[in-house]
Amino acid sequence: MIFPISLSGLRPVISNLKKKYEMILSRETAMARAVALATIKPRPFSVWEVLIPIIFIFGYMRSKETREVFTQNVLFTKKMAMQAAFDMLKKDQTRESVMERIRSKTREMIATIPGGIYSEEIRQQQLKEIELLVDHYCRLLNSEGDDYDSLVFNAYQTPQRLTDFFERLQKAEENVGRA
């Protein structure tokens, strides 16, 4: 079997869609965890935590769980968009069919999440963010490269194009936050 060689000449170019998907998901997860760690600061130890280690362990586990919930919330729209992009490219599904699946899933969530925390206004803003992310992930999954950075470089070609995307994404995320 012949593999196309990367610019470095050392590793084969990743052409398998599933490998690219896993690479992108791994990077997104690492970024979400970094944001969670920076956002949710550990609180100082109490005297009781020092004297009674089990209290320290429970506090640590609670803090870790809080960060993991935060991470999953950050990844929520990204995972849906990545799966949609993957399905469009690998399973030949249309953009409209994957977006309808996402609209349906998010519509169901409004009814199942108690307390009105997830509203129609938030959902609409998330759908706009997801549409933007679907385009981004399709670009990445269609590009060639042997690592995440080369996928991004080959997908966007210039720093300005990437900056433009991040500015649109930041605005979409801010709109979700405001909603």
N, C-alpha and C. Protein backbone atom coordinates (compact mmCIF):
# COMPACT_ATOMS: atom_id res chain seq x y z
N MET A 1 0.85 -1.17 0.00
CA MET A 1 0.00 0.00 0.00
C MET A 1 0.90 1.24 0.00
N ILE A 2 0.59 2.23 -0.80
CA ILE A 2 1.37 3.45 -0.89
C ILE A 2 0.65 4.56 -0.15
N PHE A 3 1.38 5.23 0.74
CA PHE A 3 0.84 6.36 1.49
C PHE A 3 1.44 7.65 0.95
N PRO A 4 0.64 8.69 0.79
CA PRO A 4 1.25 9.97 0.43
C PRO A 4 2.13 10.43 1.59
N ILE A 5 3.24 11.05 1.28
CA ILE A 5 4.18 11.47 2.31
C ILE A 5 3.97 12.94 2.64
N SER A 6 4.09 13.26 3.92
CA SER A 6 3.94 14.64 4.37
C SER A 6 5.16 15.44 3.96
N LEU A 7 5.09 16.77 4.14
CA LEU A 7 6.21 17.63 3.79
C LEU A 7 7.47 17.25 4.53
N SER A 8 7.34 16.77 5.75
CA SER A 8 8.52 16.38 6.51
C SER A 8 9.13 15.10 5.96
N GLY A 9 8.35 14.34 5.18
CA GLY A 9 8.84 13.11 4.59
C GLY A 9 8.94 11.97 5.57
N LEU A 10 8.54 12.18 6.82
CA LEU A 10 8.72 11.15 7.83
C LEU A 10 7.46 10.37 8.15
N ARG A 11 6.32 11.02 8.04
CA ARG A 11 5.07 10.36 8.42
C ARG A 11 4.08 10.42 7.28
N PRO A 12 3.26 9.38 7.12
CA PRO A 12 2.23 9.43 6.07
C PRO A 12 1.19 10.49 6.40
N VAL A 13 0.63 11.12 5.40
CA VAL A 13 -0.43 12.10 5.58
C VAL A 13 -1.68 11.36 6.04
N ILE A 14 -2.35 11.94 7.02
CA ILE A 14 -3.57 11.31 7.52
C ILE A 14 -4.69 11.58 6.53
N SER A 15 -5.13 10.54 5.88
CA SER A 15 -6.21 10.70 4.92
C SER A 15 -7.49 10.04 5.43
N ASN A 16 -7.38 9.26 6.45
CA ASN A 16 -8.52 8.58 7.02
C ASN A 16 -9.37 9.57 7.80
N LEU A 17 -10.62 9.68 7.42
CA LEU A 17 -11.54 10.62 8.04
C LEU A 17 -11.70 10.37 9.54
N LYS A 18 -11.78 9.13 9.94
CA LYS A 18 -11.96 8.80 11.35
C LYS A 18 -10.75 9.23 12.17
N LYS A 19 -9.54 9.05 11.64
CA LYS A 19 -8.34 9.48 12.35
C LYS A 19 -8.32 11.00 12.49
N LYS A 20 -8.72 11.70 11.45
CA LYS A 20 -8.79 13.16 11.53
C LYS A 20 -9.82 13.58 12.56
N TYR A 21 -10.96 12.92 12.55
CA TYR A 21 -12.02 13.22 13.52
C TYR A 21 -11.49 13.07 14.94
N GLU A 22 -10.82 11.95 15.22
CA GLU A 22 -10.29 11.70 16.56
C GLU A 22 -9.23 12.73 16.93
N MET A 23 -8.40 13.12 15.97
CA MET A 23 -7.37 14.12 16.22
C MET A 23 -8.00 15.47 16.58
N ILE A 24 -9.01 15.86 15.84
CA ILE A 24 -9.69 17.14 16.08
C ILE A 24 -10.41 17.10 17.43
N LEU A 25 -11.11 16.00 17.70
CA LEU A 25 -11.82 15.86 18.98
C LEU A 25 -10.83 15.91 20.15
N SER A 26 -9.71 15.27 19.99
CA SER A 26 -8.69 15.28 21.04
C SER A 26 -8.21 16.71 21.31
N ARG A 27 -7.97 17.47 20.26
CA ARG A 27 -7.50 18.86 20.44
C ARG A 27 -8.60 19.71 21.08
N GLU A 28 -9.84 19.55 20.62
CA GLU A 28 -10.95 20.32 21.20
C GLU A 28 -11.15 19.98 22.67
N THR A 29 -11.02 18.71 23.02
CA THR A 29 -11.16 18.28 24.41
C THR A 29 -10.06 18.87 25.28
N ALA A 30 -8.83 18.84 24.77
CA ALA A 30 -7.71 19.42 25.52
C ALA A 30 -7.91 20.91 25.73
N MET A 31 -8.39 21.60 24.71
CA MET A 31 -8.64 23.03 24.84
C MET A 31 -9.76 23.30 25.84
N ALA A 32 -10.82 22.51 25.80
CA ALA A 32 -11.94 22.69 26.74
C ALA A 32 -11.48 22.44 28.17
N ARG A 33 -10.64 21.44 28.38
CA ARG A 33 -10.13 21.17 29.72
C ARG A 33 -9.23 22.30 30.21
N ALA A 34 -8.43 22.85 29.31
CA ALA A 34 -7.57 23.98 29.68
C ALA A 34 -8.41 25.19 30.09
N VAL A 35 -9.49 25.43 29.35
CA VAL A 35 -10.39 26.54 29.69
C VAL A 35 -11.05 26.27 31.05
N ALA A 36 -11.47 25.04 31.28
CA ALA A 36 -12.10 24.69 32.56
C ALA A 36 -11.13 24.88 33.71
N LEU A 37 -9.89 24.46 33.53
CA LEU A 37 -8.89 24.60 34.58
C LEU A 37 -8.58 26.06 34.87
N ALA A 38 -8.55 26.88 33.81
CA ALA A 38 -8.27 28.31 33.99
C ALA A 38 -9.48 29.04 34.60
N THR A 39 -10.67 28.56 34.30
CA THR A 39 -11.89 29.23 34.76
C THR A 39 -12.28 28.83 36.18
N ILE A 40 -12.15 27.56 36.48
CA ILE A 40 -12.56 27.04 37.79
C ILE A 40 -11.30 26.80 38.61
N LYS A 41 -10.95 27.80 39.37
CA LYS A 41 -9.73 27.75 40.19
C LYS A 41 -9.99 26.91 41.44
N PRO A 42 -8.98 26.11 41.82
CA PRO A 42 -9.15 25.36 43.08
C PRO A 42 -9.14 26.33 44.26
N ARG A 43 -9.95 26.03 45.24
CA ARG A 43 -10.00 26.89 46.41
C ARG A 43 -8.88 26.49 47.36
N PRO A 44 -8.49 27.41 48.22
CA PRO A 44 -7.41 27.11 49.18
C PRO A 44 -7.81 25.97 50.12
N PHE A 45 -6.82 25.25 50.60
CA PHE A 45 -7.07 24.16 51.55
C PHE A 45 -7.53 24.72 52.88
N SER A 46 -8.46 24.02 53.49
CA SER A 46 -8.86 24.40 54.84
C SER A 46 -8.03 23.59 55.84
N VAL A 47 -8.08 23.98 57.06
CA VAL A 47 -7.37 23.26 58.12
C VAL A 47 -7.88 21.82 58.18
N TRP A 48 -9.19 21.66 58.02
CA TRP A 48 -9.79 20.33 58.10
C TRP A 48 -9.31 19.42 56.97
N GLU A 49 -9.10 19.99 55.81
CA GLU A 49 -8.61 19.18 54.69
C GLU A 49 -7.18 18.70 54.94
N VAL A 50 -6.40 19.51 55.61
CA VAL A 50 -5.03 19.11 55.93
C VAL A 50 -5.04 18.05 57.03
N LEU A 51 -5.89 18.24 58.03
CA LEU A 51 -5.93 17.31 59.17
C LEU A 51 -6.64 15.99 58.85
N ILE A 52 -7.65 16.08 58.02
CA ILE A 52 -8.45 14.89 57.70
C ILE A 52 -8.40 14.68 56.18
N PRO A 53 -7.52 13.81 55.72
CA PRO A 53 -7.31 13.63 54.27
C PRO A 53 -8.57 13.24 53.48
N ILE A 54 -9.50 12.55 54.11
CA ILE A 54 -10.71 12.16 53.37
C ILE A 54 -11.50 13.38 52.95
N ILE A 55 -11.48 14.42 53.76
CA ILE A 55 -12.18 15.66 53.39
C ILE A 55 -11.48 16.29 52.18
N PHE A 56 -10.14 16.23 52.18
CA PHE A 56 -9.38 16.73 51.03
C PHE A 56 -9.76 15.96 49.76
N ILE A 57 -9.84 14.64 49.88
CA ILE A 57 -10.16 13.80 48.71
C ILE A 57 -11.55 14.13 48.19
N PHE A 58 -12.53 14.28 49.07
CA PHE A 58 -13.88 14.63 48.63
C PHE A 58 -13.91 16.00 47.95
N GLY A 59 -13.20 16.97 48.52
CA GLY A 59 -13.13 18.29 47.91
C GLY A 59 -12.47 18.26 46.54
N TYR A 60 -11.41 17.49 46.43
CA TYR A 60 -10.71 17.34 45.14
C TYR A 60 -11.63 16.71 44.10
N MET A 61 -12.34 15.66 44.49
CA MET A 61 -13.24 14.97 43.55
C MET A 61 -14.39 15.90 43.12
N ARG A 62 -14.91 16.70 44.05
CA ARG A 62 -15.97 17.64 43.73
C ARG A 62 -15.47 18.69 42.73
N SER A 63 -14.26 19.18 42.97
CA SER A 63 -13.67 20.17 42.07
C SER A 63 -13.42 19.57 40.69
N LYS A 64 -12.93 18.35 40.66
CA LYS A 64 -12.67 17.66 39.39
C LYS A 64 -13.98 17.43 38.62
N GLU A 65 -15.01 17.05 39.33
CA GLU A 65 -16.32 16.83 38.71
C GLU A 65 -16.88 18.14 38.13
N THR A 66 -16.72 19.23 38.87
CA THR A 66 -17.19 20.54 38.40
C THR A 66 -16.48 20.93 37.11
N ARG A 67 -15.16 20.71 37.07
CA ARG A 67 -14.40 21.03 35.86
C ARG A 67 -14.82 20.14 34.69
N GLU A 68 -15.11 18.87 34.97
CA GLU A 68 -15.52 17.96 33.89
C GLU A 68 -16.88 18.36 33.33
N VAL A 69 -17.81 18.76 34.18
CA VAL A 69 -19.12 19.24 33.71
C VAL A 69 -18.92 20.48 32.84
N PHE A 70 -18.08 21.39 33.29
CA PHE A 70 -17.77 22.60 32.51
C PHE A 70 -17.19 22.21 31.15
N THR A 71 -16.24 21.27 31.15
CA THR A 71 -15.62 20.80 29.90
C THR A 71 -16.68 20.25 28.95
N GLN A 72 -17.57 19.42 29.46
CA GLN A 72 -18.60 18.83 28.60
C GLN A 72 -19.56 19.89 28.06
N ASN A 73 -19.82 20.92 28.85
CA ASN A 73 -20.66 22.02 28.35
C ASN A 73 -19.97 22.78 27.23
N VAL A 74 -18.66 23.00 27.37
CA VAL A 74 -17.90 23.67 26.32
C VAL A 74 -17.90 22.83 25.04
N LEU A 75 -17.82 21.51 25.21
CA LEU A 75 -17.75 20.61 24.05
C LEU A 75 -19.11 20.30 23.42
N PHE A 76 -20.18 20.67 24.09
CA PHE A 76 -21.53 20.30 23.64
C PHE A 76 -21.78 20.64 22.17
N THR A 77 -21.63 21.90 21.80
CA THR A 77 -21.91 22.31 20.42
C THR A 77 -20.83 21.78 19.48
N LYS A 78 -19.60 21.71 19.95
CA LYS A 78 -18.49 21.25 19.11
C LYS A 78 -18.68 19.78 18.72
N LYS A 79 -19.08 18.96 19.68
CA LYS A 79 -19.29 17.54 19.37
C LYS A 79 -20.44 17.33 18.38
N MET A 80 -21.51 18.08 18.56
CA MET A 80 -22.62 17.94 17.61
C MET A 80 -22.19 18.37 16.22
N ALA A 81 -21.46 19.47 16.14
CA ALA A 81 -21.00 19.97 14.84
C ALA A 81 -19.99 19.02 14.21
N MET A 82 -19.10 18.46 15.01
CA MET A 82 -18.12 17.51 14.46
C MET A 82 -18.81 16.26 13.92
N GLN A 83 -19.77 15.76 14.67
CA GLN A 83 -20.48 14.57 14.20
C GLN A 83 -21.25 14.88 12.92
N ALA A 84 -21.84 16.06 12.85
CA ALA A 84 -22.57 16.45 11.64
C ALA A 84 -21.63 16.53 10.44
N ALA A 85 -20.48 17.16 10.63
CA ALA A 85 -19.50 17.27 9.54
C ALA A 85 -19.02 15.89 9.12
N PHE A 86 -18.75 15.04 10.09
CA PHE A 86 -18.31 13.67 9.80
C PHE A 86 -19.37 12.92 9.00
N ASP A 87 -20.63 13.02 9.43
CA ASP A 87 -21.71 12.33 8.73
C ASP A 87 -21.90 12.86 7.30
N MET A 88 -21.70 14.16 7.13
CA MET A 88 -21.82 14.73 5.79
C MET A 88 -20.74 14.16 4.86
N LEU A 89 -19.54 14.02 5.37
CA LEU A 89 -18.43 13.58 4.53
C LEU A 89 -18.34 12.07 4.42
N LYS A 90 -18.51 11.35 5.50
CA LYS A 90 -18.33 9.90 5.51
C LYS A 90 -19.59 9.16 5.07
N LYS A 91 -20.74 9.64 5.52
CA LYS A 91 -21.99 8.94 5.26
C LYS A 91 -22.81 9.60 4.16
N ASP A 92 -22.25 10.64 3.57
CA ASP A 92 -22.88 11.34 2.46
C ASP A 92 -24.26 11.90 2.81
N GLN A 93 -24.40 12.35 4.06
CA GLN A 93 -25.66 12.97 4.47
C GLN A 93 -25.65 14.44 4.07
N THR A 94 -26.82 14.97 3.83
CA THR A 94 -26.90 16.38 3.43
C THR A 94 -26.77 17.28 4.64
N ARG A 95 -26.38 18.51 4.36
CA ARG A 95 -26.28 19.50 5.43
C ARG A 95 -27.64 19.69 6.11
N GLU A 96 -28.68 19.75 5.32
CA GLU A 96 -30.02 19.94 5.88
C GLU A 96 -30.42 18.78 6.78
N SER A 97 -30.09 17.54 6.40
CA SER A 97 -30.48 16.39 7.24
C SER A 97 -29.73 16.39 8.56
N VAL A 98 -28.44 16.71 8.56
CA VAL A 98 -27.70 16.73 9.83
C VAL A 98 -28.15 17.89 10.70
N MET A 99 -28.44 19.02 10.07
CA MET A 99 -28.91 20.17 10.86
C MET A 99 -30.31 19.91 11.42
N GLU A 100 -31.14 19.22 10.68
CA GLU A 100 -32.47 18.88 11.20
C GLU A 100 -32.34 17.94 12.39
N ARG A 101 -31.42 17.01 12.34
CA ARG A 101 -31.17 16.11 13.46
C ARG A 101 -30.74 16.93 14.70
N ILE A 102 -29.87 17.90 14.49
CA ILE A 102 -29.41 18.75 15.60
C ILE A 102 -30.54 19.62 16.12
N ARG A 103 -31.33 20.19 15.22
CA ARG A 103 -32.47 21.01 15.66
C ARG A 103 -33.43 20.18 16.49
N SER A 104 -33.68 18.95 16.06
CA SER A 104 -34.59 18.06 16.78
C SER A 104 -34.03 17.72 18.16
N LYS A 105 -32.75 17.38 18.21
CA LYS A 105 -32.13 17.03 19.50
C LYS A 105 -32.16 18.20 20.47
N THR A 106 -31.84 19.39 19.99
CA THR A 106 -31.83 20.54 20.88
C THR A 106 -33.25 20.94 21.29
N ARG A 107 -34.21 20.74 20.40
CA ARG A 107 -35.61 21.03 20.73
C ARG A 107 -36.08 20.12 21.87
N GLU A 108 -35.69 18.84 21.81
CA GLU A 108 -36.04 17.89 22.87
C GLU A 108 -35.42 18.29 24.21
N MET A 109 -34.23 18.84 24.14
CA MET A 109 -33.52 19.22 25.37
C MET A 109 -34.25 20.32 26.13
N ILE A 110 -34.90 21.21 25.42
CA ILE A 110 -35.63 22.29 26.08
C ILE A 110 -36.67 21.71 27.03
N ALA A 111 -37.35 20.66 26.57
CA ALA A 111 -38.41 20.05 27.37
C ALA A 111 -37.85 19.21 28.52
N THR A 112 -36.65 18.64 28.33
CA THR A 112 -36.14 17.71 29.34
C THR A 112 -35.27 18.36 30.40
N ILE A 113 -34.75 19.55 30.17
CA ILE A 113 -33.90 20.20 31.16
C ILE A 113 -34.78 21.07 32.06
N PRO A 114 -34.84 20.70 33.34
CA PRO A 114 -35.74 21.43 34.27
C PRO A 114 -35.22 22.82 34.61
N GLY A 115 -36.14 23.65 35.03
CA GLY A 115 -35.78 24.96 35.54
C GLY A 115 -35.62 26.04 34.50
N GLY A 116 -35.91 25.73 33.24
CA GLY A 116 -35.82 26.74 32.20
C GLY A 116 -34.41 27.25 31.95
N ILE A 117 -33.39 26.46 32.33
CA ILE A 117 -32.00 26.88 32.13
C ILE A 117 -31.67 26.93 30.64
N TYR A 118 -32.21 25.99 29.88
CA TYR A 118 -31.96 25.93 28.45
C TYR A 118 -33.20 26.45 27.74
N SER A 119 -33.09 27.62 27.13
CA SER A 119 -34.26 28.27 26.54
C SER A 119 -34.20 28.22 25.01
N GLU A 120 -35.30 28.60 24.40
CA GLU A 120 -35.36 28.67 22.94
C GLU A 120 -34.38 29.71 22.41
N GLU A 121 -34.20 30.79 23.14
CA GLU A 121 -33.26 31.83 22.71
C GLU A 121 -31.82 31.29 22.70
N ILE A 122 -31.45 30.55 23.74
CA ILE A 122 -30.11 29.94 23.79
C ILE A 122 -29.97 28.94 22.64
N ARG A 123 -31.00 28.14 22.45
CA ARG A 123 -30.98 27.13 21.39
C ARG A 123 -30.74 27.76 20.03
N GLN A 124 -31.43 28.85 19.72
CA GLN A 124 -31.29 29.50 18.42
C GLN A 124 -29.86 30.02 18.22
N GLN A 125 -29.29 30.57 19.27
CA GLN A 125 -27.91 31.06 19.17
C GLN A 125 -26.93 29.90 19.03
N GLN A 126 -27.20 28.81 19.72
CA GLN A 126 -26.34 27.63 19.58
C GLN A 126 -26.41 27.05 18.19
N LEU A 127 -27.59 27.06 17.59
CA LEU A 127 -27.72 26.54 16.23
C LEU A 127 -26.89 27.36 15.24
N LYS A 128 -26.83 28.67 15.46
CA LYS A 128 -25.98 29.51 14.60
C LYS A 128 -24.51 29.16 14.80
N GLU A 129 -24.13 28.95 16.05
CA GLU A 129 -22.76 28.55 16.35
C GLU A 129 -22.44 27.19 15.72
N ILE A 130 -23.36 26.26 15.82
CA ILE A 130 -23.15 24.92 15.27
C ILE A 130 -22.99 24.99 13.75
N GLU A 131 -23.79 25.79 13.08
CA GLU A 131 -23.66 25.91 11.63
C GLU A 131 -22.27 26.41 11.25
N LEU A 132 -21.77 27.37 11.98
CA LEU A 132 -20.42 27.89 11.75
C LEU A 132 -19.38 26.79 11.99
N LEU A 133 -19.56 26.04 13.08
CA LEU A 133 -18.63 24.97 13.41
C LEU A 133 -18.68 23.82 12.41
N VAL A 134 -19.85 23.51 11.88
CA VAL A 134 -19.97 22.45 10.86
C VAL A 134 -19.09 22.81 9.66
N ASP A 135 -19.17 24.05 9.21
CA ASP A 135 -18.33 24.49 8.09
C ASP A 135 -16.84 24.33 8.44
N HIS A 136 -16.48 24.75 9.64
CA HIS A 136 -15.09 24.66 10.09
C HIS A 136 -14.61 23.21 10.11
N TYR A 137 -15.40 22.33 10.72
CA TYR A 137 -14.98 20.93 10.82
C TYR A 137 -14.97 20.24 9.45
N CYS A 138 -15.87 20.60 8.57
CA CYS A 138 -15.82 20.06 7.20
C CYS A 138 -14.51 20.47 6.53
N ARG A 139 -14.13 21.72 6.72
CA ARG A 139 -12.85 22.19 6.15
C ARG A 139 -11.69 21.38 6.70
N LEU A 140 -11.68 21.19 8.02
CA LEU A 140 -10.58 20.44 8.63
C LEU A 140 -10.57 18.98 8.18
N LEU A 141 -11.74 18.37 8.15
CA LEU A 141 -11.80 16.96 7.76
C LEU A 141 -11.46 16.76 6.28
N ASN A 142 -11.68 17.76 5.47
CA ASN A 142 -11.35 17.68 4.04
C ASN A 142 -9.89 18.03 3.75
N SER A 143 -9.22 18.64 4.70
CA SER A 143 -7.84 19.06 4.45
C SER A 143 -6.87 17.90 4.70
N GLU A 144 -5.67 18.06 4.20
CA GLU A 144 -4.64 17.06 4.38
C GLU A 144 -3.69 17.52 5.47
N GLY A 145 -3.09 16.59 6.15
CA GLY A 145 -2.11 16.92 7.17
C GLY A 145 -1.82 15.74 8.06
N ASP A 146 -0.69 15.81 8.73
CA ASP A 146 -0.30 14.72 9.61
C ASP A 146 -0.46 15.06 11.08
N ASP A 147 -0.96 16.27 11.36
CA ASP A 147 -1.28 16.67 12.72
C ASP A 147 -2.34 17.77 12.66
N TYR A 148 -2.84 18.14 13.83
CA TYR A 148 -3.91 19.14 13.88
C TYR A 148 -3.49 20.46 13.24
N ASP A 149 -2.30 20.92 13.57
CA ASP A 149 -1.84 22.20 13.04
C ASP A 149 -1.77 22.20 11.52
N SER A 150 -1.31 21.10 10.94
CA SER A 150 -1.24 21.07 9.47
C SER A 150 -2.64 20.98 8.86
N LEU A 151 -3.58 20.33 9.53
CA LEU A 151 -4.96 20.32 9.03
C LEU A 151 -5.50 21.75 8.99
N VAL A 152 -5.26 22.50 10.06
CA VAL A 152 -5.74 23.88 10.13
C VAL A 152 -5.06 24.73 9.07
N PHE A 153 -3.75 24.59 8.95
CA PHE A 153 -3.02 25.38 7.96
C PHE A 153 -3.52 25.09 6.55
N ASN A 154 -3.68 23.82 6.22
CA ASN A 154 -4.13 23.45 4.88
C ASN A 154 -5.59 23.82 4.63
N ALA A 155 -6.38 23.86 5.69
CA ALA A 155 -7.79 24.22 5.53
C ALA A 155 -7.97 25.72 5.31
N TYR A 156 -7.15 26.54 5.97
CA TYR A 156 -7.34 27.99 5.92
C TYR A 156 -6.30 28.73 5.08
N GLN A 157 -5.17 28.15 4.87
CA GLN A 157 -4.11 28.69 3.99
C GLN A 157 -3.45 29.98 4.46
N THR A 158 -4.20 30.91 5.03
CA THR A 158 -3.60 32.17 5.48
C THR A 158 -4.05 32.47 6.91
N PRO A 159 -3.20 33.16 7.64
CA PRO A 159 -3.58 33.53 9.01
C PRO A 159 -4.85 34.40 9.05
N GLN A 160 -5.04 35.23 8.03
CA GLN A 160 -6.21 36.11 8.02
C GLN A 160 -7.51 35.32 7.92
N ARG A 161 -7.52 34.28 7.09
CA ARG A 161 -8.74 33.45 6.98
C ARG A 161 -9.06 32.77 8.31
N LEU A 162 -8.02 32.29 8.98
CA LEU A 162 -8.23 31.64 10.27
C LEU A 162 -8.70 32.66 11.31
N THR A 163 -8.10 33.82 11.31
CA THR A 163 -8.50 34.89 12.22
C THR A 163 -9.96 35.28 11.98
N ASP A 164 -10.35 35.40 10.71
CA ASP A 164 -11.74 35.72 10.38
C ASP A 164 -12.69 34.69 10.95
N PHE A 165 -12.33 33.40 10.80
CA PHE A 165 -13.17 32.34 11.36
C PHE A 165 -13.28 32.48 12.87
N PHE A 166 -12.14 32.66 13.56
CA PHE A 166 -12.17 32.77 15.02
C PHE A 166 -12.95 33.98 15.50
N GLU A 167 -12.91 35.06 14.76
CA GLU A 167 -13.71 36.24 15.13
C GLU A 167 -15.19 35.95 15.01
N ARG A 168 -15.59 35.26 13.93
CA ARG A 168 -17.01 34.88 13.78
C ARG A 168 -17.43 33.90 14.87
N LEU A 169 -16.54 32.96 15.19
CA LEU A 169 -16.85 31.98 16.25
C LEU A 169 -16.96 32.67 17.60
N GLN A 170 -16.05 33.57 17.89
CA GLN A 170 -16.10 34.29 19.16
C GLN A 170 -17.40 35.07 19.29
N LYS A 171 -17.81 35.72 18.22
CA LYS A 171 -19.07 36.47 18.25
C LYS A 171 -20.26 35.52 18.48
N ALA A 172 -20.25 34.37 17.81
CA ALA A 172 -21.33 33.40 17.99
C ALA A 172 -21.36 32.88 19.42
N GLU A 173 -20.19 32.60 20.00
CA GLU A 173 -20.13 32.13 21.39
C GLU A 173 -20.59 33.20 22.36
N GLU A 174 -20.24 34.45 22.08
CA GLU A 174 -20.71 35.55 22.93
C GLU A 174 -22.22 35.68 22.86
N ASN A 175 -22.80 35.50 21.69
CA ASN A 175 -24.25 35.55 21.55
C ASN A 175 -24.94 34.44 22.34
N VAL A 176 -24.32 33.25 22.36
CA VAL A 176 -24.87 32.16 23.17
C VAL A 176 -24.80 32.55 24.64
N GLY A 177 -23.67 33.08 25.06
CA GLY A 177 -23.50 33.50 26.45
C GLY A 177 -24.49 34.57 26.87
N ARG A 178 -24.74 35.53 25.99
CA ARG A 178 -25.71 36.59 26.29
C ARG A 178 -27.13 36.02 26.38
N ALA A 179 -27.42 35.09 25.51
CA ALA A 179 -28.77 34.50 25.52
C ALA A 179 -29.01 33.75 26.82
